N, C-alpha and C. Protein backbone atom coordinates (compact mmCIF):
# COMPACT_ATOMS: atom_id res chain seq x y z
N MET A 1 36.14 127.25 89.37
CA MET A 1 36.48 126.42 90.49
C MET A 1 37.34 127.36 91.53
N PRO A 2 37.12 127.52 92.79
CA PRO A 2 37.80 128.23 93.73
C PRO A 2 39.25 127.65 93.97
N ARG A 3 40.25 128.55 94.03
CA ARG A 3 41.56 128.15 94.19
C ARG A 3 41.67 127.74 95.76
N ARG A 4 42.85 127.00 96.23
CA ARG A 4 42.94 126.66 97.38
C ARG A 4 43.47 127.80 98.30
N VAL A 5 43.16 128.15 99.41
CA VAL A 5 43.66 129.11 100.27
C VAL A 5 45.14 128.74 100.67
N PRO A 6 46.00 129.53 100.78
CA PRO A 6 47.32 129.19 100.97
C PRO A 6 47.47 128.95 102.75
N THR A 7 48.30 127.92 102.99
CA THR A 7 48.55 127.65 104.39
C THR A 7 49.39 128.90 105.07
N TYR A 8 48.85 129.37 106.13
CA TYR A 8 49.31 130.42 106.97
C TYR A 8 50.82 129.75 107.87
N ARG A 9 51.70 130.40 107.60
CA ARG A 9 52.91 130.24 108.25
C ARG A 9 53.52 131.48 108.85
N PRO A 10 53.54 131.47 110.23
CA PRO A 10 54.10 132.71 110.91
C PRO A 10 55.53 133.08 110.46
N PRO A 11 55.90 134.39 110.58
CA PRO A 11 56.91 135.21 109.87
C PRO A 11 58.11 134.37 110.53
N ALA A 12 58.23 133.86 111.83
CA ALA A 12 59.46 133.33 112.43
C ALA A 12 59.80 131.92 111.46
N PHE A 13 58.76 130.99 111.17
CA PHE A 13 58.90 130.11 110.28
C PHE A 13 59.57 130.28 109.12
N ARG A 14 59.09 131.15 108.29
CA ARG A 14 59.55 131.58 107.15
C ARG A 14 60.98 132.24 107.10
N ARG A 15 61.18 132.72 108.08
CA ARG A 15 62.72 133.34 108.24
C ARG A 15 63.72 132.11 108.61
N ARG A 16 63.26 131.17 109.42
CA ARG A 16 64.12 129.89 109.92
C ARG A 16 64.33 129.16 108.63
N ASP A 17 63.28 128.74 107.54
CA ASP A 17 63.44 127.86 106.55
C ASP A 17 64.23 128.72 105.44
N GLU A 18 64.08 129.89 105.26
CA GLU A 18 64.95 130.72 104.25
C GLU A 18 66.23 130.92 104.88
N ALA A 19 66.68 130.89 105.92
CA ALA A 19 67.93 130.92 106.34
C ALA A 19 68.74 129.50 106.30
N ARG A 20 67.88 128.53 106.18
CA ARG A 20 68.76 127.10 106.25
C ARG A 20 69.09 126.72 104.98
N PRO A 21 70.24 126.37 104.81
CA PRO A 21 70.65 125.71 103.43
C PRO A 21 69.73 124.47 103.07
N SER A 22 69.67 124.24 101.86
CA SER A 22 69.02 123.03 101.42
C SER A 22 69.66 121.61 101.69
N SER A 23 69.18 120.61 101.90
CA SER A 23 69.77 119.32 102.27
C SER A 23 70.80 119.22 101.27
N HIS A 24 70.64 119.31 99.99
CA HIS A 24 71.90 119.07 99.08
C HIS A 24 73.03 120.15 99.23
N GLU A 25 72.83 121.27 99.71
CA GLU A 25 73.80 122.31 100.19
C GLU A 25 74.65 121.76 101.46
N ARG A 26 73.83 121.06 102.38
CA ARG A 26 74.24 120.52 103.67
C ARG A 26 75.18 119.37 103.38
N GLY A 27 75.18 118.94 102.26
CA GLY A 27 75.93 117.53 101.87
C GLY A 27 75.04 116.23 101.89
N TYR A 28 73.83 116.18 101.93
CA TYR A 28 72.98 114.98 101.74
C TYR A 28 72.65 114.65 100.38
N GLY A 29 73.06 115.42 99.46
CA GLY A 29 72.75 114.92 97.99
C GLY A 29 73.84 114.23 97.24
N SER A 30 74.97 114.01 97.82
CA SER A 30 76.01 113.51 97.31
C SER A 30 76.15 112.08 97.07
N ALA A 31 76.68 111.72 96.07
CA ALA A 31 76.72 110.18 95.93
C ALA A 31 77.33 109.44 97.08
N ALA A 32 78.36 110.34 97.70
CA ALA A 32 79.18 109.59 98.92
C ALA A 32 78.14 109.57 100.03
N TRP A 33 77.38 110.47 100.31
CA TRP A 33 76.42 110.22 101.39
C TRP A 33 75.29 109.17 101.03
N ARG A 34 74.89 109.04 99.85
CA ARG A 34 73.93 107.98 99.51
C ARG A 34 74.53 106.53 99.77
N ARG A 35 75.67 106.39 99.39
CA ARG A 35 76.58 105.18 99.65
C ARG A 35 76.60 104.91 101.16
N LEU A 36 77.11 105.91 101.96
CA LEU A 36 77.19 105.80 103.29
C LEU A 36 75.70 105.26 104.00
N ARG A 37 74.61 105.99 103.52
CA ARG A 37 73.43 105.83 103.93
C ARG A 37 73.06 104.44 103.87
N LEU A 38 73.29 104.00 102.58
CA LEU A 38 73.17 102.37 102.30
C LEU A 38 73.75 101.39 103.14
N GLN A 39 74.96 101.82 103.48
CA GLN A 39 75.76 101.00 104.32
C GLN A 39 75.25 100.97 105.76
N VAL A 40 74.66 102.04 106.35
CA VAL A 40 74.01 102.36 107.52
C VAL A 40 72.95 101.38 107.57
N ILE A 41 72.02 101.41 106.61
CA ILE A 41 70.68 100.65 106.62
C ILE A 41 71.02 99.27 106.75
N ALA A 42 72.02 98.87 105.77
CA ALA A 42 72.50 97.32 105.72
C ALA A 42 72.94 96.97 106.90
N ARG A 43 73.71 97.77 107.74
CA ARG A 43 74.31 97.29 108.93
C ARG A 43 73.55 97.18 110.11
N ASP A 44 72.28 97.95 110.15
CA ASP A 44 71.35 97.95 110.94
C ASP A 44 70.28 97.05 110.61
N GLU A 45 70.29 96.50 109.53
CA GLU A 45 69.13 95.39 109.08
C GLU A 45 67.70 95.81 108.96
N GLY A 46 67.61 97.12 109.03
CA GLY A 46 66.27 97.69 108.92
C GLY A 46 65.51 97.77 110.23
N VAL A 47 66.25 97.63 111.26
CA VAL A 47 65.95 97.69 112.66
C VAL A 47 66.17 99.05 113.38
N CYS A 48 65.12 99.76 113.93
CA CYS A 48 65.26 101.12 114.41
C CYS A 48 66.12 101.06 115.69
N ARG A 49 67.20 101.76 115.67
CA ARG A 49 68.23 101.86 116.86
C ARG A 49 67.72 102.57 118.18
N ILE A 50 66.51 103.01 117.91
CA ILE A 50 65.92 103.98 119.27
C ILE A 50 65.06 103.01 119.85
N CYS A 51 64.11 102.38 119.11
CA CYS A 51 62.89 101.83 119.52
C CYS A 51 62.95 100.17 119.62
N GLY A 52 63.86 99.84 118.39
CA GLY A 52 63.98 98.43 118.28
C GLY A 52 63.04 97.87 117.25
N GLY A 53 62.09 98.44 116.64
CA GLY A 53 61.07 98.07 115.87
C GLY A 53 61.62 98.09 114.46
N VAL A 54 60.99 97.00 113.74
CA VAL A 54 61.35 96.94 112.33
C VAL A 54 60.72 98.30 111.60
N VAL A 55 61.79 98.60 110.78
CA VAL A 55 61.42 99.97 110.00
C VAL A 55 60.91 99.59 108.59
N THR A 56 59.41 99.78 108.56
CA THR A 56 58.79 99.50 107.30
C THR A 56 58.36 100.95 106.72
N GLY A 57 58.43 101.09 105.50
CA GLY A 57 58.14 102.46 105.06
C GLY A 57 59.42 103.41 105.05
N ARG A 58 59.10 104.35 105.39
CA ARG A 58 60.31 105.63 105.54
C ARG A 58 60.99 105.51 106.81
N GLY A 59 62.32 105.35 106.68
CA GLY A 59 63.22 105.51 107.82
C GLY A 59 64.41 106.51 107.48
N ASP A 60 64.80 106.78 108.49
CA ASP A 60 66.01 108.09 108.44
C ASP A 60 67.38 107.41 109.07
N VAL A 61 68.37 108.02 108.43
CA VAL A 61 69.79 107.92 109.03
C VAL A 61 69.92 109.08 109.93
N ASP A 62 70.22 108.88 111.18
CA ASP A 62 70.26 109.91 112.21
C ASP A 62 71.82 109.88 112.73
N HIS A 63 72.42 111.09 112.97
CA HIS A 63 73.80 111.32 113.60
C HIS A 63 73.57 111.12 114.95
N ILE A 64 73.99 110.18 115.65
CA ILE A 64 73.96 109.99 117.17
C ILE A 64 74.23 111.37 117.81
N VAL A 65 75.49 111.75 117.56
CA VAL A 65 75.93 113.13 118.18
C VAL A 65 75.79 113.82 117.02
N PRO A 66 74.88 114.79 117.06
CA PRO A 66 74.59 115.87 115.96
C PRO A 66 75.75 116.66 115.47
N LYS A 67 75.71 116.89 114.21
CA LYS A 67 76.66 117.56 113.60
C LYS A 67 76.97 119.14 114.05
N ALA A 68 75.77 119.46 114.51
CA ALA A 68 75.90 120.87 115.06
C ALA A 68 76.83 120.84 116.68
N ALA A 69 76.59 119.72 117.09
CA ALA A 69 77.41 119.52 118.44
C ALA A 69 78.75 118.81 118.31
N GLY A 70 79.12 118.86 117.05
CA GLY A 70 80.56 118.17 116.75
C GLY A 70 80.68 116.83 116.40
N GLY A 71 79.42 116.22 115.93
CA GLY A 71 79.41 114.95 115.37
C GLY A 71 79.83 114.79 113.85
N THR A 72 80.30 113.76 113.37
CA THR A 72 80.68 113.52 112.24
C THR A 72 79.93 112.64 111.50
N ASP A 73 80.17 112.51 110.08
CA ASP A 73 79.55 111.44 109.26
C ASP A 73 80.20 110.13 109.21
N ALA A 74 81.05 109.87 110.28
CA ALA A 74 81.45 108.73 110.49
C ALA A 74 80.50 107.26 110.85
N LEU A 75 80.76 106.33 110.11
CA LEU A 75 79.88 105.19 110.21
C LEU A 75 79.44 104.97 111.67
N GLU A 76 80.22 105.02 112.66
CA GLU A 76 79.85 104.63 114.00
C GLU A 76 79.20 105.77 114.54
N ASN A 77 78.96 106.97 113.95
CA ASN A 77 78.03 107.95 114.52
C ASN A 77 76.62 108.06 113.94
N LEU A 78 76.26 107.02 113.02
CA LEU A 78 75.19 106.91 112.38
C LEU A 78 74.42 105.85 112.80
N GLN A 79 72.93 106.06 112.61
CA GLN A 79 72.01 105.00 113.01
C GLN A 79 70.83 105.04 112.13
N TYR A 80 70.25 103.92 112.00
CA TYR A 80 69.01 103.82 111.22
C TYR A 80 67.81 103.87 112.03
N VAL A 81 66.77 104.76 111.76
CA VAL A 81 65.78 104.94 112.83
C VAL A 81 64.52 105.07 112.10
N HIS A 82 63.23 105.03 112.65
CA HIS A 82 61.86 105.46 112.19
C HIS A 82 62.01 106.92 111.99
N ALA A 83 61.18 107.36 111.10
CA ALA A 83 61.16 108.85 110.93
C ALA A 83 60.50 109.49 112.22
N ALA A 84 59.51 108.76 112.78
CA ALA A 84 58.88 109.35 113.99
C ALA A 84 59.87 109.32 115.23
N CYS A 85 60.61 108.32 115.24
CA CYS A 85 61.75 108.25 116.20
C CYS A 85 62.74 109.42 116.31
N HIS A 86 63.22 109.53 114.87
CA HIS A 86 64.33 110.56 114.51
C HIS A 86 63.55 112.02 115.02
N SER A 87 62.40 112.23 114.54
CA SER A 87 61.63 113.69 114.89
C SER A 87 61.70 113.80 116.41
N ARG A 88 61.24 112.71 117.07
CA ARG A 88 61.15 113.01 118.64
C ARG A 88 62.63 113.28 119.14
N LYS A 89 63.48 112.32 118.75
CA LYS A 89 64.95 112.53 118.91
C LYS A 89 65.44 114.28 118.84
N THR A 90 65.04 114.64 117.71
CA THR A 90 65.73 115.91 117.19
C THR A 90 64.95 116.93 118.08
N VAL A 91 63.67 116.91 118.48
CA VAL A 91 62.95 117.92 119.24
C VAL A 91 63.64 117.72 120.63
N SER A 92 63.98 116.64 121.26
CA SER A 92 64.46 116.54 122.38
C SER A 92 65.70 117.06 122.62
N GLU A 93 66.61 117.12 121.54
CA GLU A 93 67.95 117.60 121.41
C GLU A 93 68.04 119.02 121.38
N SER A 94 66.77 119.64 120.82
CA SER A 94 66.75 121.13 120.57
C SER A 94 66.35 121.82 121.88
N ARG A 95 66.06 121.00 122.81
CA ARG A 95 65.52 121.80 123.92
C ARG A 95 66.54 121.99 125.02
């Protein structure tokens, strides 16, 4: 049986991914982050703070002010959002 052809990734993508630390190395694998994430989800009651829709399936905890722009992990700087809303917000912030 033939093997699957590997997906092509341009060299620029590979360099960016290799240079970025893992999520655990950035602090998102710790017990403290998991507790904080659950507090945000409970506070926002499963409602996306960007579009107002109910989050069914996967949701993300987003930094309102990105950490790269001086934001913190404080509860008031975090919001629960749809994964798609989070992706759109991240793209718009990177422009």
